[in-house]
Amino acid sequence: MYFKQIRRVRLPATCAGCRFNNDTDCHEGFYGVRLYRDRRGDYQVGVCIQRMDLCRPLDDFLRSGLPEEIRQLRQQEHDQLTTSSR
């Protein structure tokens, strides 16, 4: 049996100054990376469904600090969840 637990997850740096980062306006938080194709057929990476202005071309995303921010957040979550389940 599996279950899905919805938790309030925010990217520490990216979401910190966001106008939606509150319990009323941010309906999803950071759910994961999304890959889009723009009208020219180029790939864009998004990290927020409400902030499309945060989308950036794939190469720019890979060169930015976002992948590391996401890795650190996921590692922190893993550590917290595995520690609390013992």
PDB file of N, CA and C in Angstrom:
ATOM      1  N   MET A   1       0.841  -1.164   0.000  1.00  0.00           N
ATOM      2  CA  MET A   1       0.000   0.000   0.000  1.00  0.00           C
ATOM      3  C   MET A   1       0.898   1.243   0.000  1.00  0.00           C
ATOM      4  N   TYR A   2       0.520   2.222  -0.774  1.00  0.00           N
ATOM      5  CA  TYR A   2       1.245   3.485  -0.842  1.00  0.00           C
ATOM      6  C   TYR A   2       0.288   4.619  -0.544  1.00  0.00           C
ATOM      7  N   PHE A   3       0.821   5.725  -0.132  1.00  0.00           N
ATOM      8  CA  PHE A   3       0.005   6.912   0.045  1.00  0.00           C
ATOM      9  C   PHE A   3       0.817   8.141  -0.303  1.00  0.00           C
ATOM     10  N   LYS A   4       0.132   9.210  -0.551  1.00  0.00           N
ATOM     11  CA  LYS A   4       0.778  10.465  -0.902  1.00  0.00           C
ATOM     12  C   LYS A   4       0.448  11.479   0.180  1.00  0.00           C
ATOM     13  N   GLN A   5       1.478  12.082   0.722  1.00  0.00           N
ATOM     14  CA  GLN A   5       1.284  13.091   1.751  1.00  0.00           C
ATOM     15  C   GLN A   5       1.644  14.451   1.156  1.00  0.00           C
ATOM     16  N   ILE A   6       0.713  15.375   1.217  1.00  0.00           N
ATOM     17  CA  ILE A   6       0.955  16.727   0.708  1.00  0.00           C
ATOM     18  C   ILE A   6       1.547  17.558   1.835  1.00  0.00           C
ATOM     19  N   ARG A   7       2.704  18.096   1.588  1.00  0.00           N
ATOM     20  CA  ARG A   7       3.376  18.935   2.580  1.00  0.00           C
ATOM     21  C   ARG A   7       3.689  20.287   1.969  1.00  0.00           C
ATOM     22  N   ARG A   8       3.880  21.270   2.812  1.00  0.00           N
ATOM     23  CA  ARG A   8       4.233  22.613   2.349  1.00  0.00           C
ATOM     24  C   ARG A   8       5.729  22.624   2.031  1.00  0.00           C
ATOM     25  N   VAL A   9       6.050  22.603   0.754  1.00  0.00           N
ATOM     26  CA  VAL A   9       7.444  22.563   0.314  1.00  0.00           C
ATOM     27  C   VAL A   9       7.747  23.827  -0.480  1.00  0.00           C
ATOM     28  N   ARG A  10       8.809  24.495  -0.103  1.00  0.00           N
ATOM     29  CA  ARG A  10       9.234  25.717  -0.791  1.00  0.00           C
ATOM     30  C   ARG A  10      10.731  25.638  -1.049  1.00  0.00           C
ATOM     31  N   LEU A  11      11.164  26.149  -2.186  1.00  0.00           N
ATOM     32  CA  LEU A  11      12.591  26.267  -2.453  1.00  0.00           C
ATOM     33  C   LEU A  11      13.112  27.419  -1.592  1.00  0.00           C
ATOM     34  N   PRO A  12      14.104  27.178  -0.758  1.00  0.00           N
ATOM     35  CA  PRO A  12      14.535  28.181   0.200  1.00  0.00           C
ATOM     36  C   PRO A  12      14.893  29.542  -0.408  1.00  0.00           C
ATOM     37  N   ALA A  13      15.678  29.569  -1.452  1.00  0.00           N
ATOM     38  CA  ALA A  13      16.094  30.850  -2.039  1.00  0.00           C
ATOM     39  C   ALA A  13      15.082  31.355  -3.067  1.00  0.00           C
ATOM     40  N   THR A  14      14.651  30.493  -3.952  1.00  0.00           N
ATOM     41  CA  THR A  14      13.769  30.890  -5.049  1.00  0.00           C
ATOM     42  C   THR A  14      12.413  31.381  -4.547  1.00  0.00           C
ATOM     43  N   CYS A  15      11.859  30.720  -3.562  1.00  0.00           N
ATOM     44  CA  CYS A  15      10.526  31.075  -3.070  1.00  0.00           C
ATOM     45  C   CYS A  15      10.542  32.152  -1.983  1.00  0.00           C
ATOM     46  N   ALA A  16      11.705  32.447  -1.442  1.00  0.00           N
ATOM     47  CA  ALA A  16      11.796  33.344  -0.286  1.00  0.00           C
ATOM     48  C   ALA A  16      11.130  34.695  -0.514  1.00  0.00           C
ATOM     49  N   GLY A  17      11.377  35.330  -1.639  1.00  0.00           N
ATOM     50  CA  GLY A  17      10.829  36.657  -1.879  1.00  0.00           C
ATOM     51  C   GLY A  17       9.598  36.680  -2.763  1.00  0.00           C
ATOM     52  N   CYS A  18       9.008  35.532  -3.003  1.00  0.00           N
ATOM     53  CA  CYS A  18       7.866  35.456  -3.913  1.00  0.00           C
ATOM     54  C   CYS A  18       6.610  36.033  -3.270  1.00  0.00           C
ATOM     55  N   ARG A  19       5.856  36.797  -4.038  1.00  0.00           N
ATOM     56  CA  ARG A  19       4.620  37.396  -3.523  1.00  0.00           C
ATOM     57  C   ARG A  19       3.544  36.349  -3.245  1.00  0.00           C
ATOM     58  N   PHE A  20       3.656  35.175  -3.822  1.00  0.00           N
ATOM     59  CA  PHE A  20       2.698  34.101  -3.583  1.00  0.00           C
ATOM     60  C   PHE A  20       3.065  33.221  -2.387  1.00  0.00           C
ATOM     61  N   ASN A  21       4.235  33.417  -1.817  1.00  0.00           N
ATOM     62  CA  ASN A  21       4.742  32.529  -0.767  1.00  0.00           C
ATOM     63  C   ASN A  21       4.045  32.811   0.567  1.00  0.00           C
ATOM     64  N   ASN A  22       2.801  32.363   0.645  1.00  0.00           N
ATOM     65  CA  ASN A  22       2.007  32.452   1.872  1.00  0.00           C
ATOM     66  C   ASN A  22       0.973  31.335   1.833  1.00  0.00           C
ATOM     67  N   ASP A  23       0.285  31.143   2.938  1.00  0.00           N
ATOM     68  CA  ASP A  23      -0.648  30.011   3.035  1.00  0.00           C
ATOM     69  C   ASP A  23      -1.909  30.180   2.195  1.00  0.00           C
ATOM     70  N   THR A  24      -2.161  31.378   1.686  1.00  0.00           N
ATOM     71  CA  THR A  24      -3.369  31.632   0.910  1.00  0.00           C
ATOM     72  C   THR A  24      -3.129  31.541  -0.590  1.00  0.00           C
ATOM     73  N   ASP A  25      -2.062  32.175  -1.063  1.00  0.00           N
ATOM     74  CA  ASP A  25      -1.844  32.318  -2.502  1.00  0.00           C
ATOM     75  C   ASP A  25      -1.047  31.193  -3.159  1.00  0.00           C
ATOM     76  N   CYS A  26      -0.150  30.576  -2.433  1.00  0.00           N
ATOM     77  CA  CYS A  26       0.663  29.515  -3.030  1.00  0.00           C
ATOM     78  C   CYS A  26      -0.067  28.195  -2.868  1.00  0.00           C
ATOM     79  N   HIS A  27      -0.700  27.759  -3.939  1.00  0.00           N
ATOM     80  CA  HIS A  27      -1.540  26.567  -3.883  1.00  0.00           C
ATOM     81  C   HIS A  27      -0.763  25.273  -4.048  1.00  0.00           C
ATOM     82  N   GLU A  28       0.449  25.371  -4.565  1.00  0.00           N
ATOM     83  CA  GLU A  28       1.183  24.142  -4.855  1.00  0.00           C
ATOM     84  C   GLU A  28       2.534  24.073  -4.175  1.00  0.00           C
ATOM     85  N   GLY A  29       3.230  25.176  -4.052  1.00  0.00           N
ATOM     86  CA  GLY A  29       4.599  25.127  -3.562  1.00  0.00           C
ATOM     87  C   GLY A  29       5.494  24.517  -4.622  1.00  0.00           C
ATOM     88  N   PHE A  30       6.639  24.046  -4.221  1.00  0.00           N
ATOM     89  CA  PHE A  30       7.539  23.393  -5.167  1.00  0.00           C
ATOM     90  C   PHE A  30       7.154  21.928  -5.266  1.00  0.00           C
ATOM     91  N   TYR A  31       6.635  21.546  -6.396  1.00  0.00           N
ATOM     92  CA  TYR A  31       6.189  20.178  -6.607  1.00  0.00           C
ATOM     93  C   TYR A  31       7.237  19.391  -7.386  1.00  0.00           C
ATOM     94  N   GLY A  32       8.034  20.090  -8.145  1.00  0.00           N
ATOM     95  CA  GLY A  32       9.061  19.443  -8.946  1.00  0.00           C
ATOM     96  C   GLY A  32       9.349  20.259 -10.186  1.00  0.00           C
ATOM     97  N   VAL A  33      10.307  19.825 -10.928  1.00  0.00           N
ATOM     98  CA  VAL A  33      10.711  20.501 -12.153  1.00  0.00           C
ATOM     99  C   VAL A  33       9.742  20.121 -13.268  1.00  0.00           C
ATOM    100  N   ARG A  34       9.378  21.099 -14.068  1.00  0.00           N
ATOM    101  CA  ARG A  34       8.489  20.857 -15.224  1.00  0.00           C
ATOM    102  C   ARG A  34       9.241  21.238 -16.493  1.00  0.00           C
ATOM    103  N   LEU A  35       9.043  20.470 -17.516  1.00  0.00           N
ATOM    104  CA  LEU A  35       9.672  20.743 -18.800  1.00  0.00           C
ATOM    105  C   LEU A  35       8.593  21.145 -19.794  1.00  0.00           C
ATOM    106  N   TYR A  36       8.761  22.311 -20.386  1.00  0.00           N
ATOM    107  CA  TYR A  36       7.805  22.842 -21.360  1.00  0.00           C
ATOM    108  C   TYR A  36       8.512  23.017 -22.698  1.00  0.00           C
ATOM    109  N   ARG A  37       7.718  23.117 -23.769  1.00  0.00           N
ATOM    110  CA  ARG A  37       8.253  23.504 -25.089  1.00  0.00           C
ATOM    111  C   ARG A  37       7.598  24.801 -25.478  1.00  0.00           C
ATOM    112  N   ASP A  38       8.418  25.771 -25.846  1.00  0.00           N
ATOM    113  CA  ASP A  38       7.848  27.057 -26.245  1.00  0.00           C
ATOM    114  C   ASP A  38       7.424  27.014 -27.708  1.00  0.00           C
ATOM    115  N   ARG A  39       6.914  28.114 -28.208  1.00  0.00           N
ATOM    116  CA  ARG A  39       6.376  28.153 -29.571  1.00  0.00           C
ATOM    117  C   ARG A  39       7.427  27.898 -30.640  1.00  0.00           C
ATOM    118  N   ARG A  40       8.687  28.155 -30.299  1.00  0.00           N
ATOM    119  CA  ARG A  40       9.774  27.890 -31.254  1.00  0.00           C
ATOM    120  C   ARG A  40      10.256  26.448 -31.192  1.00  0.00           C
ATOM    121  N   GLY A  41       9.732  25.685 -30.218  1.00  0.00           N
ATOM    122  CA  GLY A  41      10.142  24.295 -30.076  1.00  0.00           C
ATOM    123  C   GLY A  41      11.300  24.103 -29.114  1.00  0.00           C
ATOM    124  N   ASP A  42      11.737  25.193 -28.462  1.00  0.00           N
ATOM    125  CA  ASP A  42      12.831  25.099 -27.495  1.00  0.00           C
ATOM    126  C   ASP A  42      12.281  24.662 -26.139  1.00  0.00           C
ATOM    127  N   TYR A  43      13.096  23.928 -25.392  1.00  0.00           N
ATOM    128  CA  TYR A  43      12.680  23.472 -24.067  1.00  0.00           C
ATOM    129  C   TYR A  43      12.914  24.560 -23.024  1.00  0.00           C
ATOM    130  N   GLN A  44      11.932  24.702 -22.140  1.00  0.00           N
ATOM    131  CA  GLN A  44      11.987  25.627 -21.014  1.00  0.00           C
ATOM    132  C   GLN A  44      11.759  24.821 -19.738  1.00  0.00           C
ATOM    133  N   VAL A  45      12.485  25.162 -18.690  1.00  0.00           N
ATOM    134  CA  VAL A  45      12.338  24.471 -17.408  1.00  0.00           C
ATOM    135  C   VAL A  45      11.634  25.411 -16.439  1.00  0.00           C
ATOM    136  N   GLY A  46      10.599  24.891 -15.795  1.00  0.00           N
ATOM    137  CA  GLY A  46       9.855  25.657 -14.804  1.00  0.00           C
ATOM    138  C   GLY A  46       9.902  24.981 -13.450  1.00  0.00           C
ATOM    139  N   VAL A  47       9.854  25.793 -12.402  1.00  0.00           N
ATOM    140  CA  VAL A  47       9.848  25.253 -11.042  1.00  0.00           C
ATOM    141  C   VAL A  47       8.593  25.667 -10.277  1.00  0.00           C
ATOM    142  N   CYS A  48       7.714  26.442 -10.926  1.00  0.00           N
ATOM    143  CA  CYS A  48       6.507  26.922 -10.256  1.00  0.00           C
ATOM    144  C   CYS A  48       5.385  27.052 -11.271  1.00  0.00           C
ATOM    145  N   ILE A  49       4.225  26.505 -10.949  1.00  0.00           N
ATOM    146  CA  ILE A  49       3.098  26.568 -11.873  1.00  0.00           C
ATOM    147  C   ILE A  49       2.457  27.957 -11.891  1.00  0.00           C
ATOM    148  N   GLN A  50       2.645  28.732 -10.826  1.00  0.00           N
ATOM    149  CA  GLN A  50       2.065  30.064 -10.752  1.00  0.00           C
ATOM    150  C   GLN A  50       3.005  31.153 -11.264  1.00  0.00           C
ATOM    151  N   ARG A  51       4.284  30.853 -11.358  1.00  0.00           N
ATOM    152  CA  ARG A  51       5.264  31.857 -11.772  1.00  0.00           C
ATOM    153  C   ARG A  51       5.966  31.401 -13.049  1.00  0.00           C
ATOM    154  N   MET A  52       5.297  31.592 -14.152  1.00  0.00           N
ATOM    155  CA  MET A  52       5.887  31.212 -15.430  1.00  0.00           C
ATOM    156  C   MET A  52       7.099  32.089 -15.769  1.00  0.00           C
ATOM    157  N   ASP A  53       7.222  33.231 -15.111  1.00  0.00           N
ATOM    158  CA  ASP A  53       8.386  34.081 -15.332  1.00  0.00           C
ATOM    159  C   ASP A  53       9.666  33.432 -14.801  1.00  0.00           C
ATOM    160  N   LEU A  54       9.535  32.387 -13.997  1.00  0.00           N
ATOM    161  CA  LEU A  54      10.705  31.669 -13.502  1.00  0.00           C
ATOM    162  C   LEU A  54      11.199  30.612 -14.487  1.00  0.00           C
ATOM    163  N   CYS A  55      10.440  30.364 -15.554  1.00  0.00           N
ATOM    164  CA  CYS A  55      10.890  29.413 -16.582  1.00  0.00           C
ATOM    165  C   CYS A  55      12.129  29.962 -17.271  1.00  0.00           C
ATOM    166  N   ARG A  56      13.006  29.052 -17.615  1.00  0.00           N
ATOM    167  CA  ARG A  56      14.215  29.447 -18.348  1.00  0.00           C
ATOM    168  C   ARG A  56      14.631  28.331 -19.286  1.00  0.00           C
ATOM    169  N   PRO A  57      15.348  28.692 -20.324  1.00  0.00           N
ATOM    170  CA  PRO A  57      15.820  27.663 -21.260  1.00  0.00           C
ATOM    171  C   PRO A  57      16.605  26.578 -20.517  1.00  0.00           C
ATOM    172  N   LEU A  58      16.516  25.367 -21.016  1.00  0.00           N
ATOM    173  CA  LEU A  58      17.145  24.215 -20.372  1.00  0.00           C
ATOM    174  C   LEU A  58      18.615  24.461 -20.056  1.00  0.00           C
ATOM    175  N   ASP A  59      19.385  24.944 -21.018  1.00  0.00           N
ATOM    176  CA  ASP A  59      20.814  25.172 -20.781  1.00  0.00           C
ATOM    177  C   ASP A  59      21.035  26.200 -19.669  1.00  0.00           C
ATOM    178  N   ASP A  60      20.219  27.262 -19.639  1.00  0.00           N
ATOM    179  CA  ASP A  60      20.335  28.273 -18.587  1.00  0.00           C
ATOM    180  C   ASP A  60      20.005  27.669 -17.218  1.00  0.00           C
ATOM    181  N   PHE A  61      18.976  26.834 -17.190  1.00  0.00           N
ATOM    182  CA  PHE A  61      18.607  26.169 -15.941  1.00  0.00           C
ATOM    183  C   PHE A  61      19.768  25.324 -15.428  1.00  0.00           C
ATOM    184  N   LEU A  62      20.356  24.528 -16.308  1.00  0.00           N
ATOM    185  CA  LEU A  62      21.443  23.635 -15.905  1.00  0.00           C
ATOM    186  C   LEU A  62      22.669  24.395 -15.412  1.00  0.00           C
ATOM    187  N   ARG A  63      22.897  25.596 -15.934  1.00  0.00           N
ATOM    188  CA  ARG A  63      24.039  26.412 -15.515  1.00  0.00           C
ATOM    189  C   ARG A  63      23.730  27.266 -14.281  1.00  0.00           C
ATOM    190  N   SER A  64      22.473  27.341 -13.889  1.00  0.00           N
ATOM    191  CA  SER A  64      22.084  28.188 -12.755  1.00  0.00           C
ATOM    192  C   SER A  64      22.287  27.439 -11.434  1.00  0.00           C
ATOM    193  N   GLY A  65      21.956  28.095 -10.350  1.00  0.00           N
ATOM    194  CA  GLY A  65      22.044  27.482  -9.032  1.00  0.00           C
ATOM    195  C   GLY A  65      20.821  26.673  -8.659  1.00  0.00           C
ATOM    196  N   LEU A  66      19.780  26.682  -9.519  1.00  0.00           N
ATOM    197  CA  LEU A  66      18.546  25.961  -9.200  1.00  0.00           C
ATOM    198  C   LEU A  66      18.722  24.450  -9.038  1.00  0.00           C
ATOM    199  N   PRO A  67      19.452  23.774  -9.920  1.00  0.00           N
ATOM    200  CA  PRO A  67      19.600  22.326  -9.710  1.00  0.00           C
ATOM    201  C   PRO A  67      20.201  21.985  -8.341  1.00  0.00           C
ATOM    202  N   GLU A  68      21.181  22.765  -7.909  1.00  0.00           N
ATOM    203  CA  GLU A  68      21.794  22.508  -6.605  1.00  0.00           C
ATOM    204  C   GLU A  68      20.833  22.848  -5.463  1.00  0.00           C
ATOM    205  N   GLU A  69      20.066  23.928  -5.620  1.00  0.00           N
ATOM    206  CA  GLU A  69      19.073  24.269  -4.601  1.00  0.00           C
ATOM    207  C   GLU A  69      18.050  23.139  -4.459  1.00  0.00           C
ATOM    208  N   ILE A  70      17.631  22.577  -5.572  1.00  0.00           N
ATOM    209  CA  ILE A  70      16.662  21.479  -5.562  1.00  0.00           C
ATOM    210  C   ILE A  70      17.276  20.228  -4.933  1.00  0.00           C
ATOM    211  N   ARG A  71      18.526  19.904  -5.314  1.00  0.00           N
ATOM    212  CA  ARG A  71      19.198  18.733  -4.726  1.00  0.00           C
ATOM    213  C   ARG A  71      19.315  18.875  -3.206  1.00  0.00           C
ATOM    214  N   GLN A  72      19.711  20.059  -2.747  1.00  0.00           N
ATOM    215  CA  GLN A  72      19.858  20.277  -1.307  1.00  0.00           C
ATOM    216  C   GLN A  72      18.515  20.163  -0.590  1.00  0.00           C
ATOM    217  N   LEU A  73      17.466  20.735  -1.177  1.00  0.00           N
ATOM    218  CA  LEU A  73      16.138  20.642  -0.583  1.00  0.00           C
ATOM    219  C   LEU A  73      15.695  19.186  -0.494  1.00  0.00           C
ATOM    220  N   ARG A  74      15.850  18.429  -1.555  1.00  0.00           N
ATOM    221  CA  ARG A  74      15.433  17.023  -1.562  1.00  0.00           C
ATOM    222  C   ARG A  74      16.246  16.192  -0.561  1.00  0.00           C
ATOM    223  N   GLN A  75      17.532  16.489  -0.443  1.00  0.00           N
ATOM    224  CA  GLN A  75      18.359  15.765   0.532  1.00  0.00           C
ATOM    225  C   GLN A  75      17.899  16.089   1.953  1.00  0.00           C
ATOM    226  N   GLN A  76      17.622  17.347   2.210  1.00  0.00           N
ATOM    227  CA  GLN A  76      17.132  17.762   3.526  1.00  0.00           C
ATOM    228  C   GLN A  76      15.802  17.086   3.841  1.00  0.00           C
ATOM    229  N   GLU A  77      14.894  17.055   2.860  1.00  0.00           N
ATOM    230  CA  GLU A  77      13.614  16.374   3.052  1.00  0.00           C
ATOM    231  C   GLU A  77      13.815  14.895   3.345  1.00  0.00           C
ATOM    232  N   HIS A  78      14.663  14.266   2.571  1.00  0.00           N
ATOM    233  CA  HIS A  78      14.944  12.832   2.773  1.00  0.00           C
ATOM    234  C   HIS A  78      15.458  12.594   4.181  1.00  0.00           C
ATOM    235  N   ASP A  79      16.432  13.401   4.609  1.00  0.00           N
ATOM    236  CA  ASP A  79      17.005  13.239   5.928  1.00  0.00           C
ATOM    237  C   ASP A  79      15.953  13.415   7.026  1.00  0.00           C
ATOM    238  N   GLN A  80      15.108  14.437   6.884  1.00  0.00           N
ATOM    239  CA  GLN A  80      14.068  14.686   7.883  1.00  0.00           C
ATOM    240  C   GLN A  80      13.043  13.549   7.917  1.00  0.00           C
ATOM    241  N   LEU A  81      12.620  13.102   6.760  1.00  0.00           N
ATOM    242  CA  LEU A  81      11.588  12.069   6.710  1.00  0.00           C
ATOM    243  C   LEU A  81      12.111  10.716   7.192  1.00  0.00           C
ATOM    244  N   THR A  82      13.326  10.371   6.852  1.00  0.00           N
ATOM    245  CA  THR A  82      13.857   9.080   7.286  1.00  0.00           C
ATOM    246  C   THR A  82      14.182   9.101   8.773  1.00  0.00           C
ATOM    247  N   THR A  83      14.601  10.247   9.301  1.00  0.00           N
ATOM    248  CA  THR A  83      14.874  10.356  10.729  1.00  0.00           C
ATOM    249  C   THR A  83      13.590  10.278  11.539  1.00  0.00           C
ATOM    250  N   SER A  84      12.547  10.954  11.069  1.00  0.00           N
ATOM    251  CA  SER A  84      11.292  10.981  11.821  1.00  0.00           C
ATOM    252  C   SER A  84      10.511   9.669  11.727  1.00  0.00           C
ATOM    253  N   SER A  85      10.837   8.823  10.767  1.00  0.00           N
ATOM    254  CA  SER A  85      10.092   7.565  10.619  1.00  0.00           C
ATOM    255  C   SER A  85      10.742   6.407  11.384  1.00  0.00           C
ATOM    256  N   ARG A  86      11.820   6.684  12.070  1.00  0.00           N
ATOM    257  CA  ARG A  86      12.511   5.611  12.805  1.00  0.00           C
ATOM    258  C   ARG A  86      11.938   5.441  14.177  1.00  0.00           C
TER     259      ARG A  86
END
